[in-house]
PDB file of all heavy atoms in Angstrom:
ATOM      1  N   ALA A   1      25.842 -18.817   4.306  1.00  0.00           N
ATOM      2  CA  ALA A   1      25.916 -17.384   3.984  1.00  0.00           C
ATOM      3  C   ALA A   1      26.544 -17.170   2.610  1.00  0.00           C
ATOM      4  O   ALA A   1      26.075 -16.334   1.822  1.00  0.00           O
ATOM      5  CB  ALA A   1      26.720 -16.643   5.057  1.00  0.00           C
ATOM      6  N   ARG A   2      27.586 -17.927   2.316  1.00  0.00           N
ATOM      7  CA  ARG A   2      28.245 -17.778   1.004  1.00  0.00           C
ATOM      8  C   ARG A   2      27.288 -18.146  -0.125  1.00  0.00           C
ATOM      9  O   ARG A   2      27.202 -17.460  -1.140  1.00  0.00           O
ATOM     10  CB  ARG A   2      29.503 -18.659   0.949  1.00  0.00           C
ATOM     11  CG  ARG A   2      30.700 -18.066   1.679  1.00  0.00           C
ATOM     12  CD  ARG A   2      31.983 -18.808   1.331  1.00  0.00           C
ATOM     13  NE  ARG A   2      32.020 -20.141   1.932  1.00  0.00           N
ATOM     14  CZ  ARG A   2      32.544 -20.391   3.129  1.00  0.00           C
ATOM     15  NH1 ARG A   2      33.075 -19.405   3.840  1.00  0.00           N
ATOM     16  NH2 ARG A   2      32.553 -21.620   3.620  1.00  0.00           N
ATOM     17  N   THR A   3      26.547 -19.213   0.071  1.00  0.00           N
ATOM     18  CA  THR A   3      25.640 -19.688  -0.971  1.00  0.00           C
ATOM     19  C   THR A   3      24.453 -18.746  -1.162  1.00  0.00           C
ATOM     20  O   THR A   3      23.953 -18.598  -2.275  1.00  0.00           O
ATOM     21  CB  THR A   3      25.118 -21.097  -0.616  1.00  0.00           C
ATOM     22  OG1 THR A   3      26.222 -21.947  -0.361  1.00  0.00           O
ATOM     23  CG2 THR A   3      24.290 -21.679  -1.738  1.00  0.00           C
ATOM     24  N   CYS A   4      24.017 -18.098  -0.085  1.00  0.00           N
ATOM     25  CA  CYS A   4      22.805 -17.264  -0.134  1.00  0.00           C
ATOM     26  C   CYS A   4      23.079 -15.778  -0.345  1.00  0.00           C
ATOM     27  O   CYS A   4      22.162 -14.969  -0.267  1.00  0.00           O
ATOM     28  CB  CYS A   4      22.021 -17.438   1.165  1.00  0.00           C
ATOM     29  SG  CYS A   4      21.438 -19.098   1.449  1.00  0.00           S
ATOM     30  N   SER A   5      24.329 -15.404  -0.577  1.00  0.00           N
ATOM     31  CA  SER A   5      24.670 -13.976  -0.661  1.00  0.00           C
ATOM     32  C   SER A   5      23.985 -13.264  -1.833  1.00  0.00           C
ATOM     33  O   SER A   5      23.846 -12.046  -1.833  1.00  0.00           O
ATOM     34  CB  SER A   5      26.186 -13.802  -0.765  1.00  0.00           C
ATOM     35  OG  SER A   5      26.682 -14.483  -1.903  1.00  0.00           O
ATOM     36  N   GLN A   6      23.527 -14.029  -2.820  1.00  0.00           N
ATOM     37  CA  GLN A   6      22.817 -13.435  -3.952  1.00  0.00           C
ATOM     38  C   GLN A   6      21.469 -12.865  -3.515  1.00  0.00           C
ATOM     39  O   GLN A   6      21.000 -11.865  -4.058  1.00  0.00           O
ATOM     40  CB  GLN A   6      22.602 -14.499  -5.030  1.00  0.00           C
ATOM     41  CG  GLN A   6      21.882 -13.995  -6.277  1.00  0.00           C
ATOM     42  CD  GLN A   6      21.732 -15.098  -7.322  1.00  0.00           C
ATOM     43  OE1 GLN A   6      22.459 -16.075  -7.302  1.00  0.00           O
ATOM     44  NE2 GLN A   6      20.785 -14.941  -8.225  1.00  0.00           N
ATOM     45  N   ASP A   7      20.849 -13.506  -2.527  1.00  0.00           N
ATOM     46  CA  ASP A   7      19.508 -13.105  -2.099  1.00  0.00           C
ATOM     47  C   ASP A   7      19.472 -12.361  -0.768  1.00  0.00           C
ATOM     48  O   ASP A   7      18.481 -11.684  -0.477  1.00  0.00           O
ATOM     49  CB  ASP A   7      18.607 -14.338  -1.990  1.00  0.00           C
ATOM     50  CG  ASP A   7      18.300 -14.950  -3.345  1.00  0.00           C
ATOM     51  OD1 ASP A   7      17.918 -14.189  -4.258  1.00  0.00           O
ATOM     52  OD2 ASP A   7      18.467 -16.172  -3.497  1.00  0.00           O
ATOM     53  N   PHE A   8      20.536 -12.485   0.050  1.00  0.00           N
ATOM     54  CA  PHE A   8      20.526 -11.885   1.383  1.00  0.00           C
ATOM     55  C   PHE A   8      21.791 -11.073   1.629  1.00  0.00           C
ATOM     56  O   PHE A   8      22.853 -11.372   1.070  1.00  0.00           O
ATOM     57  CB  PHE A   8      20.427 -12.962   2.464  1.00  0.00           C
ATOM     58  CG  PHE A   8      19.197 -13.818   2.385  1.00  0.00           C
ATOM     59  CD1 PHE A   8      19.269 -15.126   1.913  1.00  0.00           C
ATOM     60  CD2 PHE A   8      17.973 -13.332   2.784  1.00  0.00           C
ATOM     61  CE1 PHE A   8      18.155 -15.917   1.830  1.00  0.00           C
ATOM     62  CE2 PHE A   8      16.841 -14.122   2.712  1.00  0.00           C
ATOM     63  CZ  PHE A   8      16.918 -15.413   2.230  1.00  0.00           C
ATOM     64  N   THR A   9      21.667 -10.081   2.519  1.00  0.00           N
ATOM     65  CA  THR A   9      22.838  -9.347   3.010  1.00  0.00           C
ATOM     66  C   THR A   9      23.108  -9.806   4.440  1.00  0.00           C
ATOM     67  O   THR A   9      22.198  -9.811   5.280  1.00  0.00           O
ATOM     68  CB  THR A   9      22.593  -7.827   2.980  1.00  0.00           C
ATOM     69  OG1 THR A   9      22.387  -7.418   1.629  1.00  0.00           O
ATOM     70  CG2 THR A   9      23.780  -7.069   3.555  1.00  0.00           C
ATOM     71  N   PHE A  10      24.348 -10.203   4.691  1.00  0.00           N
ATOM     72  CA  PHE A  10      24.717 -10.713   6.013  1.00  0.00           C
ATOM     73  C   PHE A  10      25.645  -9.730   6.719  1.00  0.00           C
ATOM     74  O   PHE A  10      26.518  -9.121   6.093  1.00  0.00           O
ATOM     75  CB  PHE A  10      25.429 -12.065   5.893  1.00  0.00           C
ATOM     76  CG  PHE A  10      24.543 -13.169   5.400  1.00  0.00           C
ATOM     77  CD1 PHE A  10      24.467 -13.455   4.043  1.00  0.00           C
ATOM     78  CD2 PHE A  10      23.785 -13.919   6.283  1.00  0.00           C
ATOM     79  CE1 PHE A  10      23.660 -14.476   3.568  1.00  0.00           C
ATOM     80  CE2 PHE A  10      22.966 -14.949   5.823  1.00  0.00           C
ATOM     81  CZ  PHE A  10      22.900 -15.223   4.458  1.00  0.00           C
ATOM     82  N   ALA A  11      25.448  -9.586   8.024  1.00  0.00           N
ATOM     83  CA  ALA A  11      26.350  -8.801   8.868  1.00  0.00           C
ATOM     84  C   ALA A  11      27.248  -9.771   9.633  1.00  0.00           C
ATOM     85  O   ALA A  11      26.822 -10.885   9.951  1.00  0.00           O
ATOM     86  CB  ALA A  11      25.562  -7.943   9.846  1.00  0.00           C
ATOM     87  N   PRO A  12      28.476  -9.372   9.933  1.00  0.00           N
ATOM     88  CA  PRO A  12      29.359 -10.272  10.700  1.00  0.00           C
ATOM     89  C   PRO A  12      28.813 -10.532  12.099  1.00  0.00           C
ATOM     90  O   PRO A  12      28.253  -9.628  12.730  1.00  0.00           O
ATOM     91  CB  PRO A  12      30.688  -9.513  10.736  1.00  0.00           C
ATOM     92  CG  PRO A  12      30.348  -8.090  10.448  1.00  0.00           C
ATOM     93  CD  PRO A  12      29.132  -8.102   9.583  1.00  0.00           C
ATOM     94  N   THR A  13      28.966 -11.760  12.565  1.00  0.00           N
ATOM     95  CA  THR A  13      28.512 -12.120  13.919  1.00  0.00           C
ATOM     96  C   THR A  13      29.680 -12.468  14.836  1.00  0.00           C
ATOM     97  O   THR A  13      29.495 -12.539  16.053  1.00  0.00           O
ATOM     98  CB  THR A  13      27.566 -13.339  13.880  1.00  0.00           C
ATOM     99  OG1 THR A  13      28.288 -14.462  13.347  1.00  0.00           O
ATOM    100  CG2 THR A  13      26.340 -13.061  13.024  1.00  0.00           C
ATOM    101  N   GLY A  14      30.864 -12.734  14.253  1.00  0.00           N
ATOM    102  CA  GLY A  14      31.991 -13.193  15.054  1.00  0.00           C
ATOM    103  C   GLY A  14      31.864 -14.640  15.473  1.00  0.00           C
ATOM    104  O   GLY A  14      32.609 -15.122  16.322  1.00  0.00           O
ATOM    105  N   GLN A  15      30.888 -15.360  14.870  1.00  0.00           N
ATOM    106  CA  GLN A  15      30.665 -16.767  15.211  1.00  0.00           C
ATOM    107  C   GLN A  15      30.558 -17.589  13.936  1.00  0.00           C
ATOM    108  O   GLN A  15      29.791 -17.238  13.031  1.00  0.00           O
ATOM    109  CB  GLN A  15      29.351 -16.929  15.991  1.00  0.00           C
ATOM    110  CG  GLN A  15      29.305 -16.239  17.336  1.00  0.00           C
ATOM    111  CD  GLN A  15      27.897 -16.295  17.922  1.00  0.00           C
ATOM    112  OE1 GLN A  15      26.908 -16.118  17.218  1.00  0.00           O
ATOM    113  NE2 GLN A  15      27.808 -16.534  19.224  1.00  0.00           N
ATOM    114  N   ASP A  16      31.275 -18.693  13.847  1.00  0.00           N
ATOM    115  CA  ASP A  16      31.126 -19.586  12.695  1.00  0.00           C
ATOM    116  C   ASP A  16      29.772 -20.280  12.704  1.00  0.00           C
ATOM    117  O   ASP A  16      29.258 -20.672  11.656  1.00  0.00           O
ATOM    118  CB  ASP A  16      32.231 -20.648  12.702  1.00  0.00           C
ATOM    119  CG  ASP A  16      33.599 -20.051  12.393  1.00  0.00           C
ATOM    120  OD1 ASP A  16      33.650 -18.930  11.845  1.00  0.00           O
ATOM    121  OD2 ASP A  16      34.619 -20.709  12.699  1.00  0.00           O
ATOM    122  N   CYS A  17      29.188 -20.431  13.897  1.00  0.00           N
ATOM    123  CA  CYS A  17      27.914 -21.148  14.018  1.00  0.00           C
ATOM    124  C   CYS A  17      26.711 -20.225  13.889  1.00  0.00           C
ATOM    125  O   CYS A  17      25.562 -20.679  13.969  1.00  0.00           O
ATOM    126  CB  CYS A  17      27.830 -21.898  15.344  1.00  0.00           C
ATOM    127  SG  CYS A  17      27.754 -20.812  16.794  1.00  0.00           S
ATOM    128  N   GLY A  18      26.934 -18.911  13.684  1.00  0.00           N
ATOM    129  CA  GLY A  18      25.834 -17.960  13.646  1.00  0.00           C
ATOM    130  C   GLY A  18      25.843 -17.064  12.424  1.00  0.00           C
ATOM    131  O   GLY A  18      26.904 -16.626  11.966  1.00  0.00           O
ATOM    132  N   LEU A  19      24.643 -16.776  11.894  1.00  0.00           N
ATOM    133  CA  LEU A  19      24.458 -15.858  10.766  1.00  0.00           C
ATOM    134  C   LEU A  19      23.487 -14.760  11.173  1.00  0.00           C
ATOM    135  O   LEU A  19      22.583 -14.985  11.984  1.00  0.00           O
ATOM    136  CB  LEU A  19      23.848 -16.583   9.564  1.00  0.00           C
ATOM    137  CG  LEU A  19      24.545 -17.809   8.988  1.00  0.00           C
ATOM    138  CD1 LEU A  19      23.685 -18.394   7.867  1.00  0.00           C
ATOM    139  CD2 LEU A  19      25.920 -17.436   8.470  1.00  0.00           C
ATOM    140  N   LEU A  20      23.650 -13.577  10.599  1.00  0.00           N
ATOM    141  CA  LEU A  20      22.709 -12.487  10.836  1.00  0.00           C
ATOM    142  C   LEU A  20      22.362 -11.835   9.507  1.00  0.00           C
ATOM    143  O   LEU A  20      23.209 -11.209   8.866  1.00  0.00           O
ATOM    144  CB  LEU A  20      23.298 -11.447  11.795  1.00  0.00           C
ATOM    145  CG  LEU A  20      22.425 -10.221  12.083  1.00  0.00           C
ATOM    146  CD1 LEU A  20      21.106 -10.628  12.744  1.00  0.00           C
ATOM    147  CD2 LEU A  20      23.172  -9.211  12.970  1.00  0.00           C
ATOM    148  N   VAL A  21      21.107 -12.012   9.074  1.00  0.00           N
ATOM    149  CA  VAL A  21      20.607 -11.348   7.869  1.00  0.00           C
ATOM    150  C   VAL A  21      20.119  -9.959   8.258  1.00  0.00           C
ATOM    151  O   VAL A  21      19.351  -9.807   9.219  1.00  0.00           O
ATOM    152  CB  VAL A  21      19.435 -12.142   7.247  1.00  0.00           C
ATOM    153  CG1 VAL A  21      18.888 -11.427   6.016  1.00  0.00           C
ATOM    154  CG2 VAL A  21      19.882 -13.546   6.888  1.00  0.00           C
ATOM    155  N   ILE A  22      20.570  -8.949   7.510  1.00  0.00           N
ATOM    156  CA  ILE A  22      20.115  -7.581   7.769  1.00  0.00           C
ATOM    157  C   ILE A  22      19.435  -7.026   6.519  1.00  0.00           C
ATOM    158  O   ILE A  22      19.839  -7.328   5.395  1.00  0.00           O
ATOM    159  CB  ILE A  22      21.278  -6.654   8.200  1.00  0.00           C
ATOM    160  CG1 ILE A  22      22.380  -6.608   7.132  1.00  0.00           C
ATOM    161  CG2 ILE A  22      21.833  -7.098   9.550  1.00  0.00           C
ATOM    162  CD1 ILE A  22      23.453  -5.562   7.406  1.00  0.00           C
ATOM    163  N   PRO A  23      18.370  -6.232   6.699  1.00  0.00           N
ATOM    164  CA  PRO A  23      17.663  -5.673   5.546  1.00  0.00           C
ATOM    165  C   PRO A  23      18.563  -4.724   4.750  1.00  0.00           C
ATOM    166  O   PRO A  23      19.324  -3.939   5.322  1.00  0.00           O
ATOM    167  CB  PRO A  23      16.499  -4.911   6.181  1.00  0.00           C
ATOM    168  CG  PRO A  23      16.356  -5.481   7.551  1.00  0.00           C
ATOM    169  CD  PRO A  23      17.735  -5.878   7.970  1.00  0.00           C
ATOM    170  N   ASP A  24      18.454  -4.814   3.440  1.00  0.00           N
ATOM    171  CA  ASP A  24      19.255  -3.989   2.537  1.00  0.00           C
ATOM    172  C   ASP A  24      18.374  -3.612   1.349  1.00  0.00           C
ATOM    173  O   ASP A  24      17.363  -4.258   1.081  1.00  0.00           O
ATOM    174  CB  ASP A  24      20.481  -4.795   2.078  1.00  0.00           C
ATOM    175  CG  ASP A  24      21.589  -3.921   1.492  1.00  0.00           C
ATOM    176  OD1 ASP A  24      21.415  -2.686   1.450  1.00  0.00           O
ATOM    177  OD2 ASP A  24      22.615  -4.474   1.082  1.00  0.00           O
ATOM    178  N   GLU A  25      18.773  -2.602   0.616  1.00  0.00           N
ATOM    179  CA  GLU A  25      17.991  -2.176  -0.546  1.00  0.00           C
ATOM    180  C   GLU A  25      17.984  -3.291  -1.589  1.00  0.00           C
ATOM    181  O   GLU A  25      19.024  -3.809  -1.980  1.00  0.00           O
ATOM    182  CB  GLU A  25      18.586  -0.908  -1.149  1.00  0.00           C
ATOM    183  CG  GLU A  25      17.697  -0.271  -2.211  1.00  0.00           C
ATOM    184  CD  GLU A  25      18.212   1.078  -2.679  1.00  0.00           C
ATOM    185  OE1 GLU A  25      19.422   1.338  -2.506  1.00  0.00           O
ATOM    186  OE2 GLU A  25      17.416   1.856  -3.224  1.00  0.00           O
ATOM    187  N   GLY A  26      16.784  -3.680  -2.019  1.00  0.00           N
ATOM    188  CA  GLY A  26      16.663  -4.769  -2.984  1.00  0.00           C
ATOM    189  C   GLY A  26      16.758  -6.149  -2.364  1.00  0.00           C
ATOM    190  O   GLY A  26      16.489  -7.154  -3.022  1.00  0.00           O
ATOM    191  N   LYS A  27      17.151  -6.208  -1.101  1.00  0.00           N
ATOM    192  CA  LYS A  27      17.209  -7.474  -0.348  1.00  0.00           C
ATOM    193  C   LYS A  27      16.657  -7.190   1.049  1.00  0.00           C
ATOM    194  O   LYS A  27      17.355  -7.292   2.047  1.00  0.00           O
ATOM    195  CB  LYS A  27      18.644  -7.986  -0.234  1.00  0.00           C
ATOM    196  CG  LYS A  27      19.350  -8.254  -1.563  1.00  0.00           C
ATOM    197  CD  LYS A  27      20.793  -8.698  -1.282  1.00  0.00           C
ATOM    198  CE  LYS A  27      21.586  -8.927  -2.539  1.00  0.00           C
ATOM    199  NZ  LYS A  27      22.983  -9.350  -2.259  1.00  0.00           N
ATOM    200  N   ALA A  28      15.392  -6.811   1.071  1.00  0.00           N
ATOM    201  CA  ALA A  28      14.807  -6.290   2.314  1.00  0.00           C
ATOM    202  C   ALA A  28      14.351  -7.392   3.264  1.00  0.00           C
ATOM    203  O   ALA A  28      13.285  -7.308   3.863  1.00  0.00           O
ATOM    204  CB  ALA A  28      13.635  -5.360   1.974  1.00  0.00           C
ATOM    205  N   TRP A  29      15.177  -8.418   3.401  1.00  0.00           N
ATOM    206  CA  TRP A  29      14.847  -9.556   4.268  1.00  0.00           C
ATOM    207  C   TRP A  29      15.511  -9.398   5.631  1.00  0.00           C
ATOM    208  O   TRP A  29      16.569  -8.820   5.740  1.00  0.00           O
ATOM    209  CB  TRP A  29      15.311 -10.857   3.624  1.00  0.00           C
ATOM    210  CG  TRP A  29      14.931 -10.978   2.186  1.00  0.00           C
ATOM    211  CD1 TRP A  29      15.781 -10.983   1.113  1.00  0.00           C
ATOM    212  CD2 TRP A  29      13.617 -11.084   1.640  1.00  0.00           C
ATOM    213  NE1 TRP A  29      15.071 -11.098  -0.054  1.00  0.00           N
ATOM    214  CE2 TRP A  29      13.735 -11.161   0.233  1.00  0.00           C
ATOM    215  CE3 TRP A  29      12.333 -11.124   2.204  1.00  0.00           C
ATOM    216  CZ2 TRP A  29      12.642 -11.282  -0.619  1.00  0.00           C
ATOM    217  CZ3 TRP A  29      11.241 -11.247   1.361  1.00  0.00           C
ATOM    218  CH2 TRP A  29      11.395 -11.327  -0.026  1.00  0.00           C
ATOM    219  N   GLY A  30      14.887  -9.966   6.629  1.00  0.00           N
ATOM    220  CA  GLY A  30      15.443  -9.896   7.964  1.00  0.00           C
ATOM    221  C   GLY A  30      14.811  -8.753   8.761  1.00  0.00           C
ATOM    222  O   GLY A  30      13.845  -8.146   8.315  1.00  0.00           O
ATOM    223  N   PRO A  31      15.371  -8.448   9.947  1.00  0.00           N
ATOM    224  CA  PRO A  31      16.512  -9.122  10.566  1.00  0.00           C
ATOM    225  C   PRO A  31      16.189 -10.579  10.886  1.00  0.00           C
ATOM    226  O   PRO A  31      15.073 -10.906  11.238  1.00  0.00           O
ATOM    227  CB  PRO A  31      16.749  -8.325  11.854  1.00  0.00           C
ATOM    228  CG  PRO A  31      15.921  -7.084  11.748  1.00  0.00           C
ATOM    229  CD  PRO A  31      14.832  -7.376  10.818  1.00  0.00           C
ATOM    230  N   MET A  32      17.215 -11.417  10.798  1.00  0.00           N
ATOM    231  CA  MET A  32      17.078 -12.823  11.170  1.00  0.00           C
ATOM    232  C   MET A  32      18.440 -13.356  11.606  1.00  0.00           C
ATOM    233  O   MET A  32      19.387 -13.367  10.821  1.00  0.00           O
ATOM    234  CB  MET A  32      16.533 -13.644  10.000  1.00  0.00           C
ATOM    235  CG  MET A  32      16.373 -15.125  10.283  1.00  0.00           C
ATOM    236  SD  MET A  32      15.173 -15.550  11.603  1.00  0.00           S
ATOM    237  CE  MET A  32      13.679 -14.821  10.958  1.00  0.00           C
ATOM    238  N   TYR A  33      18.498 -13.757  12.867  1.00  0.00           N
ATOM    239  CA  TYR A  33      19.707 -14.391  13.398  1.00  0.00           C
ATOM    240  C   TYR A  33      19.461 -15.899  13.451  1.00  0.00           C
ATOM    241  O   TYR A  33      18.383 -16.355  13.866  1.00  0.00           O
ATOM    242  CB  TYR A  33      20.029 -13.867  14.797  1.00  0.00           C
ATOM    243  CG  TYR A  33      21.178 -14.571  15.474  1.00  0.00           C
ATOM    244  CD1 TYR A  33      22.498 -14.294  15.114  1.00  0.00           C
ATOM    245  CD2 TYR A  33      20.956 -15.512  16.478  1.00  0.00           C
ATOM    246  CE1 TYR A  33      23.561 -14.945  15.734  1.00  0.00           C
ATOM    247  CE2 TYR A  33      22.012 -16.162  17.101  1.00  0.00           C
ATOM    248  CZ  TYR A  33      23.311 -15.874  16.724  1.00  0.00           C
ATOM    249  OH  TYR A  33      24.356 -16.523  17.343  1.00  0.00           O
ATOM    250  N   VAL A  34      20.456 -16.675  13.016  1.00  0.00           N
ATOM    251  CA  VAL A  34      20.354 -18.129  13.014  1.00  0.00           C
ATOM    252  C   VAL A  34      21.641 -18.716  13.593  1.00  0.00           C
ATOM    253  O   VAL A  34      22.734 -18.338  13.165  1.00  0.00           O
ATOM    254  CB  VAL A  34      20.169 -18.686  11.579  1.00  0.00           C
ATOM    255  CG1 VAL A  34      19.959 -20.195  11.618  1.00  0.00           C
ATOM    256  CG2 VAL A  34      19.017 -18.002  10.863  1.00  0.00           C
ATOM    257  N   ALA A  35      21.514 -19.605  14.551  1.00  0.00           N
ATOM    258  CA  ALA A  35      22.683 -20.309  15.106  1.00  0.00           C
ATOM    259  C   ALA A  35      22.388 -21.804  15.141  1.00  0.00           C
ATOM    260  O   ALA A  35      21.252 -22.214  15.386  1.00  0.00           O
ATOM    261  CB  ALA A  35      23.013 -19.802  16.495  1.00  0.00           C
TER     262      ALA A  35
END
């Protein structure tokens, strides 16, 4: 998540093993949850 923050917007998941990409203006990717 830290490395990809330039291209994606992440929402908190409360899990170190999980990421959640949420669509944002200019970064309209996702939703995508990855664990």
